[in-house]
PDB file of N, CA and C in Angstrom:
ATOM      1  N   MET A   1       6.795  -0.247 -61.482  1.00  0.00           N
ATOM      2  CA  MET A   1       8.144  -0.117 -60.993  1.00  0.00           C
ATOM      3  C   MET A   1       8.264   1.033 -59.974  1.00  0.00           C
ATOM      4  N   LEU A   2       7.567   2.126 -60.260  1.00  0.00           N
ATOM      5  CA  LEU A   2       7.586   3.277 -59.363  1.00  0.00           C
ATOM      6  C   LEU A   2       6.975   2.925 -58.006  1.00  0.00           C
ATOM      7  N   GLN A   3       5.924   2.111 -58.024  1.00  0.00           N
ATOM      8  CA  GLN A   3       5.274   1.672 -56.783  1.00  0.00           C
ATOM      9  C   GLN A   3       6.228   0.838 -55.932  1.00  0.00           C
ATOM     10  N   VAL A   4       7.019  -0.021 -56.568  1.00  0.00           N
ATOM     11  CA  VAL A   4       7.962  -0.869 -55.844  1.00  0.00           C
ATOM     12  C   VAL A   4       9.022  -0.011 -55.167  1.00  0.00           C
ATOM     13  N   ILE A   5       9.539   0.973 -55.875  1.00  0.00           N
ATOM     14  CA  ILE A   5      10.544   1.875 -55.300  1.00  0.00           C
ATOM     15  C   ILE A   5       9.947   2.661 -54.129  1.00  0.00           C
ATOM     16  N   LYS A   6       8.710   3.094 -54.259  1.00  0.00           N
ATOM     17  CA  LYS A   6       8.033   3.829 -53.201  1.00  0.00           C
ATOM     18  C   LYS A   6       7.883   2.952 -51.957  1.00  0.00           C
ATOM     19  N   HIS A   7       7.481   1.684 -52.108  1.00  0.00           N
ATOM     20  CA  HIS A   7       7.321   0.767 -50.980  1.00  0.00           C
ATOM     21  C   HIS A   7       8.667   0.439 -50.332  1.00  0.00           C
ATOM     22  N   ILE A   8       9.695   0.266 -51.162  1.00  0.00           N
ATOM     23  CA  ILE A   8      11.027  -0.020 -50.627  1.00  0.00           C
ATOM     24  C   ILE A   8      11.534   1.177 -49.825  1.00  0.00           C
ATOM     25  N   THR A   9      11.295   2.384 -50.316  1.00  0.00           N
ATOM     26  CA  THR A   9      11.702   3.602 -49.602  1.00  0.00           C
ATOM     27  C   THR A   9      10.973   3.711 -48.263  1.00  0.00           C
ATOM     28  N   GLN A  10       9.679   3.443 -48.258  1.00  0.00           N
ATOM     29  CA  GLN A  10       8.907   3.497 -47.013  1.00  0.00           C
ATOM     30  C   GLN A  10       9.402   2.454 -46.024  1.00  0.00           C
ATOM     31  N   LEU A  11       9.664   1.246 -46.505  1.00  0.00           N
ATOM     32  CA  LEU A  11      10.173   0.181 -45.643  1.00  0.00           C
ATOM     33  C   LEU A  11      11.539   0.560 -45.082  1.00  0.00           C
ATOM     34  N   PHE A  12      12.392   1.127 -45.926  1.00  0.00           N
ATOM     35  CA  PHE A  12      13.710   1.554 -45.492  1.00  0.00           C
ATOM     36  C   PHE A  12      13.605   2.603 -44.377  1.00  0.00           C
ATOM     37  N   LEU A  13      12.685   3.572 -44.520  1.00  0.00           N
ATOM     38  CA  LEU A  13      12.499   4.608 -43.514  1.00  0.00           C
ATOM     39  C   LEU A  13      11.988   4.017 -42.192  1.00  0.00           C
ATOM     40  N   VAL A  14      11.094   3.058 -42.277  1.00  0.00           N
ATOM     41  CA  VAL A  14      10.580   2.404 -41.068  1.00  0.00           C
ATOM     42  C   VAL A  14      11.699   1.641 -40.369  1.00  0.00           C
ATOM     43  N   VAL A  15      12.499   0.916 -41.121  1.00  0.00           N
ATOM     44  CA  VAL A  15      13.598   0.138 -40.535  1.00  0.00           C
ATOM     45  C   VAL A  15      14.620   1.067 -39.891  1.00  0.00           C
ATOM     46  N   ILE A  16      15.004   2.146 -40.570  1.00  0.00           N
ATOM     47  CA  ILE A  16      15.961   3.109 -40.013  1.00  0.00           C
ATOM     48  C   ILE A  16      15.401   3.736 -38.728  1.00  0.00           C
ATOM     49  N   THR A  17      14.111   4.071 -38.730  1.00  0.00           N
ATOM     50  CA  THR A  17      13.480   4.661 -37.543  1.00  0.00           C
ATOM     51  C   THR A  17      13.523   3.684 -36.376  1.00  0.00           C
ATOM     52  N   CYS A  18      13.206   2.425 -36.628  1.00  0.00           N
ATOM     53  CA  CYS A  18      13.208   1.417 -35.555  1.00  0.00           C
ATOM     54  C   CYS A  18      14.616   1.165 -35.028  1.00  0.00           C
ATOM     55  N   ILE A  19      15.599   1.184 -35.884  1.00  0.00           N
ATOM     56  CA  ILE A  19      16.975   0.925 -35.466  1.00  0.00           C
ATOM     57  C   ILE A  19      17.506   2.069 -34.611  1.00  0.00           C
ATOM     58  N   THR A  20      17.140   3.289 -34.962  1.00  0.00           N
ATOM     59  CA  THR A  20      17.691   4.446 -34.251  1.00  0.00           C
ATOM     60  C   THR A  20      16.907   4.808 -32.991  1.00  0.00           C
ATOM     61  N   CYS A  21      15.748   4.215 -32.772  1.00  0.00           N
ATOM     62  CA  CYS A  21      14.961   4.505 -31.573  1.00  0.00           C
ATOM     63  C   CYS A  21      15.606   3.832 -30.366  1.00  0.00           C
ATOM     64  N   THR A  22      15.663   4.582 -29.281  1.00  0.00           N
ATOM     65  CA  THR A  22      16.176   4.018 -28.040  1.00  0.00           C
ATOM     66  C   THR A  22      15.232   4.391 -26.904  1.00  0.00           C
ATOM     67  N   GLU A  23      15.339   3.659 -25.837  1.00  0.00           N
ATOM     68  CA  GLU A  23      14.543   3.949 -24.651  1.00  0.00           C
ATOM     69  C   GLU A  23      15.456   4.565 -23.610  1.00  0.00           C
ATOM     70  N   LYS A  24      14.980   5.645 -22.998  1.00  0.00           N
ATOM     71  CA  LYS A  24      15.785   6.330 -21.997  1.00  0.00           C
ATOM     72  C   LYS A  24      14.886   6.732 -20.845  1.00  0.00           C
ATOM     73  N   ASP A  25      15.337   6.470 -19.633  1.00  0.00           N
ATOM     74  CA  ASP A  25      14.585   6.893 -18.454  1.00  0.00           C
ATOM     75  C   ASP A  25      14.670   8.406 -18.323  1.00  0.00           C
ATOM     76  N   LEU A  26      13.546   8.997 -18.033  1.00  0.00           N
ATOM     77  CA  LEU A  26      13.469  10.436 -17.853  1.00  0.00           C
ATOM     78  C   LEU A  26      13.290  10.722 -16.368  1.00  0.00           C
ATOM     79  N   VAL A  27      14.209  11.462 -15.805  1.00  0.00           N
ATOM     80  CA  VAL A  27      14.156  11.801 -14.388  1.00  0.00           C
ATOM     81  C   VAL A  27      13.852  13.291 -14.284  1.00  0.00           C
ATOM     82  N   ILE A  28      12.732  13.594 -13.605  1.00  0.00           N
ATOM     83  CA  ILE A  28      12.336  14.981 -13.427  1.00  0.00           C
ATOM     84  C   ILE A  28      12.383  15.290 -11.936  1.00  0.00           C
ATOM     85  N   ASP A  29      13.095  16.322 -11.591  1.00  0.00           N
ATOM     86  CA  ASP A  29      13.205  16.736 -10.206  1.00  0.00           C
ATOM     87  C   ASP A  29      12.163  17.818  -9.940  1.00  0.00           C
ATOM     88  N   PHE A  30      11.015  17.408  -9.384  1.00  0.00           N
ATOM     89  CA  PHE A  30       9.951  18.352  -9.096  1.00  0.00           C
ATOM     90  C   PHE A  30      10.280  19.147  -7.835  1.00  0.00           C
ATOM     91  N   PRO A  31       9.970  20.433  -7.838  1.00  0.00           N
ATOM     92  CA  PRO A  31      10.213  21.210  -6.627  1.00  0.00           C
ATOM     93  C   PRO A  31       9.291  20.747  -5.503  1.00  0.00           C
ATOM     94  N   SER A  32       9.786  20.809  -4.296  1.00  0.00           N
ATOM     95  CA  SER A  32       8.987  20.409  -3.147  1.00  0.00           C
ATOM     96  C   SER A  32       8.184  21.610  -2.658  1.00  0.00           C
ATOM     97  N   GLU A  33       6.892  21.497  -2.695  1.00  0.00           N
ATOM     98  CA  GLU A  33       6.004  22.576  -2.266  1.00  0.00           C
ATOM     99  C   GLU A  33       5.224  22.112  -1.047  1.00  0.00           C
ATOM    100  N   PRO A  34       4.977  23.005  -0.107  1.00  0.00           N
ATOM    101  CA  PRO A  34       4.131  22.613   1.031  1.00  0.00           C
ATOM    102  C   PRO A  34       2.700  22.357   0.562  1.00  0.00           C
ATOM    103  N   GLU A  35       2.020  21.466   1.264  1.00  0.00           N
ATOM    104  CA  GLU A  35       0.630  21.200   0.918  1.00  0.00           C
ATOM    105  C   GLU A  35      -0.211  22.435   1.200  1.00  0.00           C
ATOM    106  N   LYS A  36      -1.232  22.641   0.377  1.00  0.00           N
ATOM    107  CA  LYS A  36      -2.096  23.808   0.502  1.00  0.00           C
ATOM    108  C   LYS A  36      -3.548  23.371   0.608  1.00  0.00           C
ATOM    109  N   ILE A  37      -4.367  24.246   1.168  1.00  0.00           N
ATOM    110  CA  ILE A  37      -5.792  23.974   1.296  1.00  0.00           C
ATOM    111  C   ILE A  37      -6.494  24.343  -0.011  1.00  0.00           C
ATOM    112  N   VAL A  38      -7.382  23.456  -0.449  1.00  0.00           N
ATOM    113  CA  VAL A  38      -8.202  23.704  -1.629  1.00  0.00           C
ATOM    114  C   VAL A  38      -9.638  23.891  -1.151  1.00  0.00           C
ATOM    115  N   CYS A  39     -10.278  24.969  -1.582  1.00  0.00           N
ATOM    116  CA  CYS A  39     -11.630  25.292  -1.122  1.00  0.00           C
ATOM    117  C   CYS A  39     -12.563  25.453  -2.316  1.00  0.00           C
ATOM    118  N   LEU A  40     -13.673  24.751  -2.268  1.00  0.00           N
ATOM    119  CA  LEU A  40     -14.727  24.905  -3.269  1.00  0.00           C
ATOM    120  C   LEU A  40     -16.005  25.279  -2.527  1.00  0.00           C
ATOM    121  N   GLY A  41     -16.653  26.331  -2.964  1.00  0.00           N
ATOM    122  CA  GLY A  41     -17.866  26.755  -2.282  1.00  0.00           C
ATOM    123  C   GLY A  41     -18.758  27.563  -3.199  1.00  0.00           C
ATOM    124  N   LYS A  42     -19.963  27.753  -2.754  1.00  0.00           N
ATOM    125  CA  LYS A  42     -20.919  28.512  -3.550  1.00  0.00           C
ATOM    126  C   LYS A  42     -21.761  29.354  -2.600  1.00  0.00           C
ATOM    127  N   LEU A  43     -21.863  30.628  -2.916  1.00  0.00           N
ATOM    128  CA  LEU A  43     -22.717  31.525  -2.144  1.00  0.00           C
ATOM    129  C   LEU A  43     -23.994  31.763  -2.924  1.00  0.00           C
ATOM    130  N   SER A  44     -25.111  31.616  -2.250  1.00  0.00           N
ATOM    131  CA  SER A  44     -26.411  31.846  -2.864  1.00  0.00           C
ATOM    132  C   SER A  44     -27.342  32.405  -1.796  1.00  0.00           C
ATOM    133  N   SER A  45     -28.170  33.351  -2.185  1.00  0.00           N
ATOM    134  CA  SER A  45     -29.112  33.906  -1.213  1.00  0.00           C
ATOM    135  C   SER A  45     -30.280  32.958  -0.965  1.00  0.00           C
ATOM    136  N   ASN A  46     -30.324  31.836  -1.677  1.00  0.00           N
ATOM    137  CA  ASN A  46     -31.420  30.874  -1.546  1.00  0.00           C
ATOM    138  C   ASN A  46     -31.103  29.687  -0.642  1.00  0.00           C
ATOM    139  N   ALA A  47     -29.835  29.539  -0.246  1.00  0.00           N
ATOM    140  CA  ALA A  47     -29.461  28.356   0.539  1.00  0.00           C
ATOM    141  C   ALA A  47     -28.271  28.681   1.429  1.00  0.00           C
ATOM    142  N   PRO A  48     -28.186  28.005   2.574  1.00  0.00           N
ATOM    143  CA  PRO A  48     -27.006  28.198   3.424  1.00  0.00           C
ATOM    144  C   PRO A  48     -25.731  27.794   2.676  1.00  0.00           C
ATOM    145  N   VAL A  49     -24.641  28.398   3.066  1.00  0.00           N
ATOM    146  CA  VAL A  49     -23.356  28.153   2.406  1.00  0.00           C
ATOM    147  C   VAL A  49     -22.826  26.775   2.791  1.00  0.00           C
ATOM    148  N   THR A  50     -22.300  26.064   1.815  1.00  0.00           N
ATOM    149  CA  THR A  50     -21.546  24.841   2.066  1.00  0.00           C
ATOM    150  C   THR A  50     -20.184  25.008   1.407  1.00  0.00           C
ATOM    151  N   VAL A  51     -19.196  24.416   2.017  1.00  0.00           N
ATOM    152  CA  VAL A  51     -17.828  24.532   1.520  1.00  0.00           C
ATOM    153  C   VAL A  51     -17.213  23.142   1.498  1.00  0.00           C
ATOM    154  N   SER A  52     -16.507  22.832   0.429  1.00  0.00           N
ATOM    155  CA  SER A  52     -15.771  21.576   0.332  1.00  0.00           C
ATOM    156  C   SER A  52     -14.292  21.882   0.475  1.00  0.00           C
ATOM    157  N   LEU A  53     -13.625  21.183   1.382  1.00  0.00           N
ATOM    158  CA  LEU A  53     -12.204  21.410   1.617  1.00  0.00           C
ATOM    159  C   LEU A  53     -11.407  20.149   1.333  1.00  0.00           C
ATOM    160  N   ALA A  54     -10.238  20.354   0.769  1.00  0.00           N
ATOM    161  CA  ALA A  54      -9.308  19.260   0.523  1.00  0.00           C
ATOM    162  C   ALA A  54      -7.902  19.826   0.640  1.00  0.00           C
ATOM    163  N   SER A  55      -6.945  18.995   0.371  1.00  0.00           N
ATOM    164  CA  SER A  55      -5.546  19.382   0.447  1.00  0.00           C
ATOM    165  C   SER A  55      -4.849  18.984  -0.844  1.00  0.00           C
ATOM    166  N   THR A  56      -3.879  19.786  -1.253  1.00  0.00           N
ATOM    167  CA  THR A  56      -3.041  19.362  -2.369  1.00  0.00           C
ATOM    168  C   THR A  56      -2.085  18.301  -1.853  1.00  0.00           C
ATOM    169  N   GLN A  57      -1.496  17.538  -2.764  1.00  0.00           N
ATOM    170  CA  GLN A  57      -0.461  16.579  -2.402  1.00  0.00           C
ATOM    171  C   GLN A  57       0.707  16.770  -3.340  1.00  0.00           C
ATOM    172  N   ALA A  58       1.891  16.643  -2.801  1.00  0.00           N
ATOM    173  CA  ALA A  58       3.095  16.789  -3.616  1.00  0.00           C
ATOM    174  C   ALA A  58       3.121  15.714  -4.697  1.00  0.00           C
ATOM    175  N   ILE A  59       3.544  16.096  -5.880  1.00  0.00           N
ATOM    176  CA  ILE A  59       3.549  15.160  -7.004  1.00  0.00           C
ATOM    177  C   ILE A  59       4.579  14.053  -6.808  1.00  0.00           C
ATOM    178  N   ASP A  60       5.588  14.315  -6.014  1.00  0.00           N
ATOM    179  CA  ASP A  60       6.621  13.304  -5.786  1.00  0.00           C
ATOM    180  C   ASP A  60       6.393  12.494  -4.520  1.00  0.00           C
ATOM    181  N   LYS A  61       5.241  12.665  -3.911  1.00  0.00           N
ATOM    182  CA  LYS A  61       4.938  11.940  -2.670  1.00  0.00           C
ATOM    183  C   LYS A  61       4.858  10.440  -2.958  1.00  0.00           C
ATOM    184  N   GLN A  62       5.563   9.650  -2.162  1.00  0.00           N
ATOM    185  CA  GLN A  62       5.642   8.214  -2.414  1.00  0.00           C
ATOM    186  C   GLN A  62       4.346   7.478  -2.092  1.00  0.00           C
ATOM    187  N   SER A  63       3.613   7.941  -1.104  1.00  0.00           N
ATOM    188  CA  SER A  63       2.423   7.218  -0.672  1.00  0.00           C
ATOM    189  C   SER A  63       1.160   8.018  -0.993  1.00  0.00           C
ATOM    190  N   PHE A  64       0.904   8.229  -2.259  1.00  0.00           N
ATOM    191  CA  PHE A  64      -0.261   8.991  -2.702  1.00  0.00           C
ATOM    192  C   PHE A  64      -1.537   8.175  -2.485  1.00  0.00           C
ATOM    193  N   THR A  65      -2.474   8.728  -1.711  1.00  0.00           N
ATOM    194  CA  THR A  65      -3.753   8.065  -1.482  1.00  0.00           C
ATOM    195  C   THR A  65      -4.866   9.099  -1.536  1.00  0.00           C
ATOM    196  N   MET A  66      -6.061   8.668  -1.809  1.00  0.00           N
ATOM    197  CA  MET A  66      -7.202   9.580  -1.807  1.00  0.00           C
ATOM    198  C   MET A  66      -7.461  10.099  -0.396  1.00  0.00           C
ATOM    199  N   ASP A  67      -7.140   9.297   0.621  1.00  0.00           N
ATOM    200  CA  ASP A  67      -7.327   9.752   1.997  1.00  0.00           C
ATOM    201  C   ASP A  67      -6.451  10.954   2.314  1.00  0.00           C
ATOM    202  N   GLY A  68      -5.355  11.120   1.573  1.00  0.00           N
ATOM    203  CA  GLY A  68      -4.461  12.240   1.813  1.00  0.00           C
ATOM    204  C   GLY A  68      -5.087  13.581   1.512  1.00  0.00           C
ATOM    205  N   PHE A  69      -6.182  13.585   0.793  1.00  0.00           N
ATOM    206  CA  PHE A  69      -6.861  14.840   0.467  1.00  0.00           C
ATOM    207  C   PHE A  69      -7.735  15.337   1.623  1.00  0.00           C
ATOM    208  N   ALA A  70      -8.106  14.468   2.516  1.00  0.00           N
ATOM    209  CA  ALA A  70      -9.071  14.811   3.559  1.00  0.00           C
ATOM    210  C   ALA A  70      -8.561  15.932   4.451  1.00  0.00           C
ATOM    211  N   LEU A  71      -9.448  16.847   4.774  1.00  0.00           N
ATOM    212  CA  LEU A  71      -9.142  17.959   5.679  1.00  0.00           C
ATOM    213  C   LEU A  71     -10.261  18.000   6.707  1.00  0.00           C
ATOM    214  N   ASP A  72     -10.139  17.175   7.728  1.00  0.00           N
ATOM    215  CA  ASP A  72     -11.266  17.010   8.641  1.00  0.00           C
ATOM    216  C   ASP A  72     -11.178  17.817   9.934  1.00  0.00           C
ATOM    217  N   SER A  73     -10.128  18.602  10.117  1.00  0.00           N
ATOM    218  CA  SER A  73     -10.011  19.361  11.362  1.00  0.00           C
ATOM    219  C   SER A  73      -9.810  20.855  11.093  1.00  0.00           C
ATOM    220  N   ALA A  74     -10.446  21.352  10.071  1.00  0.00           N
ATOM    221  CA  ALA A  74     -10.306  22.766   9.710  1.00  0.00           C
ATOM    222  C   ALA A  74     -11.304  23.630  10.468  1.00  0.00           C
ATOM    223  N   THR A  75     -10.945  24.885  10.610  1.00  0.00           N
ATOM    224  CA  THR A  75     -11.856  25.890  11.137  1.00  0.00           C
ATOM    225  C   THR A  75     -12.207  26.810   9.980  1.00  0.00           C
ATOM    226  N   VAL A  76     -13.499  26.955   9.705  1.00  0.00           N
ATOM    227  CA  VAL A  76     -13.957  27.766   8.575  1.00  0.00           C
ATOM    228  C   VAL A  76     -14.891  28.849   9.096  1.00  0.00           C
ATOM    229  N   LEU A  77     -14.564  30.086   8.757  1.00  0.00           N
ATOM    230  CA  LEU A  77     -15.383  31.227   9.162  1.00  0.00           C
ATOM    231  C   LEU A  77     -15.786  32.024   7.932  1.00  0.00           C
ATOM    232  N   LEU A  78     -17.050  32.477   7.914  1.00  0.00           N
ATOM    233  CA  LEU A  78     -17.559  33.321   6.828  1.00  0.00           C
ATOM    234  C   LEU A  78     -17.678  34.746   7.357  1.00  0.00           C
ATOM    235  N   PHE A  79     -17.095  35.685   6.618  1.00  0.00           N
ATOM    236  CA  PHE A  79     -17.138  37.097   6.991  1.00  0.00           C
ATOM    237  C   PHE A  79     -18.002  37.863   6.006  1.00  0.00           C
ATOM    238  N   GLU A  80     -18.826  38.752   6.536  1.00  0.00           N
ATOM    239  CA  GLU A  80     -19.581  39.705   5.719  1.00  0.00           C
ATOM    240  C   GLU A  80     -18.982  41.070   6.053  1.00  0.00           C
ATOM    241  N   GLY A  81     -18.363  41.706   5.053  1.00  0.00           N
ATOM    242  CA  GLY A  81     -17.580  42.890   5.366  1.00  0.00           C
ATOM    243  C   GLY A  81     -16.416  42.444   6.227  1.00  0.00           C
ATOM    244  N   GLY A  82     -16.294  42.970   7.427  1.00  0.00           N
ATOM    245  CA  GLY A  82     -15.238  42.539   8.331  1.00  0.00           C
ATOM    246  C   GLY A  82     -15.754  41.789   9.534  1.00  0.00           C
ATOM    247  N   THR A  83     -17.021  41.373   9.506  1.00  0.00           N
ATOM    248  CA  THR A  83     -17.662  40.744  10.656  1.00  0.00           C
ATOM    249  C   THR A  83     -17.920  39.263  10.397  1.00  0.00           C
ATOM    250  N   VAL A  84     -17.591  38.429  11.396  1.00  0.00           N
ATOM    251  CA  VAL A  84     -17.895  36.992  11.287  1.00  0.00           C
ATOM    252  C   VAL A  84     -19.408  36.814  11.362  1.00  0.00           C
ATOM    253  N   VAL A  85     -19.989  36.152  10.349  1.00  0.00           N
ATOM    254  CA  VAL A  85     -21.435  35.920  10.342  1.00  0.00           C
ATOM    255  C   VAL A  85     -21.783  34.440  10.430  1.00  0.00           C
ATOM    256  N   ASP A  86     -20.802  33.564  10.248  1.00  0.00           N
ATOM    257  CA  ASP A  86     -21.093  32.133  10.301  1.00  0.00           C
ATOM    258  C   ASP A  86     -19.806  31.354  10.506  1.00  0.00           C
ATOM    259  N   SER A  87     -19.951  30.210  11.143  1.00  0.00           N
ATOM    260  CA  SER A  87     -18.864  29.238  11.233  1.00  0.00           C
ATOM    261  C   SER A  87     -19.414  27.925  10.670  1.00  0.00           C
ATOM    262  N   PHE A  88     -18.527  27.024  10.351  1.00  0.00           N
ATOM    263  CA  PHE A  88     -18.941  25.814   9.646  1.00  0.00           C
ATOM    264  C   PHE A  88     -18.595  24.564  10.427  1.00  0.00           C
ATOM    265  N   LEU A  89     -19.424  23.536  10.245  1.00  0.00           N
ATOM    266  CA  LEU A  89     -19.236  22.240  10.897  1.00  0.00           C
ATOM    267  C   LEU A  89     -18.841  21.202   9.853  1.00  0.00           C
ATOM    268  N   ASN A  90     -17.963  20.289  10.243  1.00  0.00           N
ATOM    269  CA  ASN A  90     -17.542  19.226   9.339  1.00  0.00           C
ATOM    270  C   ASN A  90     -18.673  18.216   9.194  1.00  0.00           C
ATOM    271  N   ALA A  91     -19.154  18.027   7.962  1.00  0.00           N
ATOM    272  CA  ALA A  91     -20.250  17.090   7.709  1.00  0.00           C
ATOM    273  C   ALA A  91     -19.748  15.745   7.207  1.00  0.00           C
ATOM    274  N   GLY A  92     -18.433  15.586   7.097  1.00  0.00           N
ATOM    275  CA  GLY A  92     -17.887  14.290   6.695  1.00  0.00           C
ATOM    276  C   GLY A  92     -17.190  14.321   5.360  1.00  0.00           C
ATOM    277  N   PHE A  93     -16.572  13.193   5.051  1.00  0.00           N
ATOM    278  CA  PHE A  93     -15.752  13.022   3.858  1.00  0.00           C
ATOM    279  C   PHE A  93     -16.595  12.516   2.701  1.00  0.00           C
ATOM    280  N   ASP A  94     -16.438  13.158   1.534  1.00  0.00           N
ATOM    281  CA  ASP A  94     -17.178  12.758   0.337  1.00  0.00           C
ATOM    282  C   ASP A  94     -16.201  12.602  -0.825  1.00  0.00           C
ATOM    283  N   PHE A  95     -15.703  11.430  -1.029  1.00  0.00           N
ATOM    284  CA  PHE A  95     -14.771  11.056  -2.085  1.00  0.00           C
ATOM    285  C   PHE A  95     -13.428  11.786  -1.962  1.00  0.00           C
ATOM    286  N   ARG A  96     -13.352  13.051  -2.349  1.00  0.00           N
ATOM    287  CA  ARG A  96     -12.084  13.772  -2.284  1.00  0.00           C
ATOM    288  C   ARG A  96     -12.095  14.935  -1.311  1.00  0.00           C
ATOM    289  N   TYR A  97     -13.243  15.305  -0.822  1.00  0.00           N
ATOM    290  CA  TYR A  97     -13.360  16.519  -0.033  1.00  0.00           C
ATOM    291  C   TYR A  97     -14.055  16.252   1.294  1.00  0.00           C
ATOM    292  N   ASN A  98     -13.753  17.109   2.262  1.00  0.00           N
ATOM    293  CA  ASN A  98     -14.544  17.153   3.478  1.00  0.00           C
ATOM    294  C   ASN A  98     -15.558  18.267   3.298  1.00  0.00           C
ATOM    295  N   GLU A  99     -16.818  17.942   3.505  1.00  0.00           N
ATOM    296  CA  GLU A  99     -17.882  18.930   3.362  1.00  0.00           C
ATOM    297  C   GLU A  99     -18.055  19.671   4.688  1.00  0.00           C
ATOM    298  N   TYR A 100     -18.098  20.979   4.619  1.00  0.00           N
ATOM    299  CA  TYR A 100     -18.356  21.816   5.789  1.00  0.00           C
ATOM    300  C   TYR A 100     -19.654  22.568   5.537  1.00  0.00           C
ATOM    301  N   ILE A 101     -20.536  22.535   6.524  1.00  0.00           N
ATOM    302  CA  ILE A 101     -21.857  23.165   6.369  1.00  0.00           C
ATOM    303  C   ILE A 101     -22.034  24.280   7.398  1.00  0.00           C
ATOM    304  N   SER A 102     -22.911  25.184   7.067  1.00  0.00           N
ATOM    305  CA  SER A 102     -23.210  26.318   7.935  1.00  0.00           C
ATOM    306  C   SER A 102     -23.726  25.826   9.285  1.00  0.00           C
ATOM    307  N   SER A 103     -23.228  26.430  10.358  1.00  0.00           N
ATOM    308  CA  SER A 103     -23.718  26.045  11.689  1.00  0.00           C
ATOM    309  C   SER A 103     -24.955  26.849  12.084  1.00  0.00           C
ATOM    310  N   THR A 104     -25.257  27.921  11.346  1.00  0.00           N
ATOM    311  CA  THR A 104     -26.391  28.783  11.696  1.00  0.00           C
ATOM    312  C   THR A 104     -27.430  28.891  10.585  1.00  0.00           C
ATOM    313  N   ASN A 105     -27.189  28.177   9.476  1.00  0.00           N
ATOM    314  CA  ASN A 105     -28.051  28.283   8.288  1.00  0.00           C
ATOM    315  C   ASN A 105     -28.149  29.719   7.774  1.00  0.00           C
ATOM    316  N   TYR A 106     -27.053  30.431   7.889  1.00  0.00           N
ATOM    317  CA  TYR A 106     -26.977  31.819   7.436  1.00  0.00           C
ATOM    318  C   TYR A 106     -27.185  31.886   5.923  1.00  0.00           C
ATOM    319  N   LEU A 107     -28.031  32.810   5.483  1.00  0.00           N
ATOM    320  CA  LEU A 107     -28.267  33.032   4.053  1.00  0.00           C
ATOM    321  C   LEU A 107     -27.544  34.314   3.633  1.00  0.00           C
ATOM    322  N   PRO A 108     -26.586  34.212   2.717  1.00  0.00           N
ATOM    323  CA  PRO A 108     -25.882  35.404   2.255  1.00  0.00           C
ATOM    324  C   PRO A 108     -26.853  36.407   1.608  1.00  0.00           C
ATOM    325  N   LYS A 109     -26.530  37.670   1.759  1.00  0.00           N
ATOM    326  CA  LYS A 109     -27.363  38.733   1.188  1.00  0.00           C
ATOM    327  C   LYS A 109     -26.775  39.183  -0.143  1.00  0.00           C
ATOM    328  N   PRO A 110     -27.629  39.521  -1.103  1.00  0.00           N
ATOM    329  CA  PRO A 110     -27.122  40.022  -2.388  1.00  0.00           C
ATOM    330  C   PRO A 110     -26.347  41.326  -2.195  1.00  0.00           C
ATOM    331  N   ASP A 111     -25.398  41.574  -3.067  1.00  0.00           N
ATOM    332  CA  ASP A 111     -24.621  42.818  -3.122  1.00  0.00           C
ATOM    333  C   ASP A 111     -23.799  43.084  -1.865  1.00  0.00           C
ATOM    334  N   GLN A 112     -23.397  42.042  -1.166  1.00  0.00           N
ATOM    335  CA  GLN A 112     -22.521  42.179  -0.002  1.00  0.00           C
ATOM    336  C   GLN A 112     -21.174  41.520  -0.328  1.00  0.00           C
ATOM    337  N   ASP A 113     -20.126  41.966   0.336  1.00  0.00           N
ATOM    338  CA  ASP A 113     -18.796  41.374   0.169  1.00  0.00           C
ATOM    339  C   ASP A 113     -18.582  40.299   1.228  1.00  0.00           C
ATOM    340  N   TYR A 114     -18.204  39.108   0.783  1.00  0.00           N
ATOM    341  CA  TYR A 114     -17.967  37.982   1.684  1.00  0.00           C
ATOM    342  C   TYR A 114     -16.573  37.433   1.450  1.00  0.00           C
ATOM    343  N   HIS A 115     -15.995  36.893   2.491  1.00  0.00           N
ATOM    344  CA  HIS A 115     -14.773  36.111   2.336  1.00  0.00           C
ATOM    345  C   HIS A 115     -14.724  35.035   3.415  1.00  0.00           C
ATOM    346  N   LEU A 116     -13.991  33.982   3.106  1.00  0.00           N
ATOM    347  CA  LEU A 116     -13.804  32.866   4.041  1.00  0.00           C
ATOM    348  C   LEU A 116     -12.406  32.937   4.635  1.00  0.00           C
ATOM    349  N   GLU A 117     -12.312  32.563   5.894  1.00  0.00           N
ATOM    350  CA  GLU A 117     -11.006  32.338   6.511  1.00  0.00           C
ATOM    351  C   GLU A 117     -10.972  30.887   6.941  1.00  0.00           C
ATOM    352  N   ILE A 118      -9.949  30.187   6.469  1.00  0.00           N
ATOM    353  CA  ILE A 118      -9.836  28.757   6.735  1.00  0.00           C
ATOM    354  C   ILE A 118      -8.488  28.500   7.382  1.00  0.00           C
ATOM    355  N   SER A 119      -8.500  27.778   8.476  1.00  0.00           N
ATOM    356  CA  SER A 119      -7.259  27.375   9.118  1.00  0.00           C
ATOM    357  C   SER A 119      -7.355  25.888   9.458  1.00  0.00           C
ATOM    358  N   ALA A 120      -6.209  25.243   9.415  1.00  0.00           N
ATOM    359  CA  ALA A 120      -6.151  23.820   9.736  1.00  0.00           C
ATOM    360  C   ALA A 120      -4.753  23.498  10.255  1.00  0.00           C
ATOM    361  N   PRO A 121      -4.645  22.540  11.159  1.00  0.00           N
ATOM    362  CA  PRO A 121      -3.334  22.155  11.681  1.00  0.00           C
ATOM    363  C   PRO A 121      -2.404  21.719  10.555  1.00  0.00           C
ATOM    364  N   GLY A 122      -1.182  22.247  10.581  1.00  0.00           N
ATOM    365  CA  GLY A 122      -0.186  21.865   9.574  1.00  0.00           C
ATOM    366  C   GLY A 122      -0.188  22.745   8.339  1.00  0.00           C
ATOM    367  N   TYR A 123      -1.066  23.711   8.273  1.00  0.00           N
ATOM    368  CA  TYR A 123      -1.149  24.614   7.120  1.00  0.00           C
ATOM    369  C   TYR A 123      -0.925  26.044   7.579  1.00  0.00           C
ATOM    370  N   THR A 124      -0.226  26.821   6.745  1.00  0.00           N
ATOM    371  CA  THR A 124       0.002  28.228   7.080  1.00  0.00           C
ATOM    372  C   THR A 124      -0.652  29.139   6.075  1.00  0.00           C
TER     373      THR A 124
END
């Protein structure tokens, strides 16, 4: 008898849950942000530097495509200290990124400070 009451109670809870459930559209107003450059790179004293560049895309963009990530007209410079030591050439698009390779096959030196400066049309 106790088992029957337990099953009836469980069934009652399931029925009440199903009756009270409703579907509601959720509208989220995402802030509009300008697209930004995404840079992936690795410095090693054993190989010339390569850099992968892409672009962010707004989450509310209506025409989201993988091609929208491509950044094929960027200027990439490598600085050692405050001096330009290398510039990069676009080696083409690879799935989500444009690969940029060293134009001089410069090998970074250990214990030095490096930074990249990247510019592209439409980005600040």
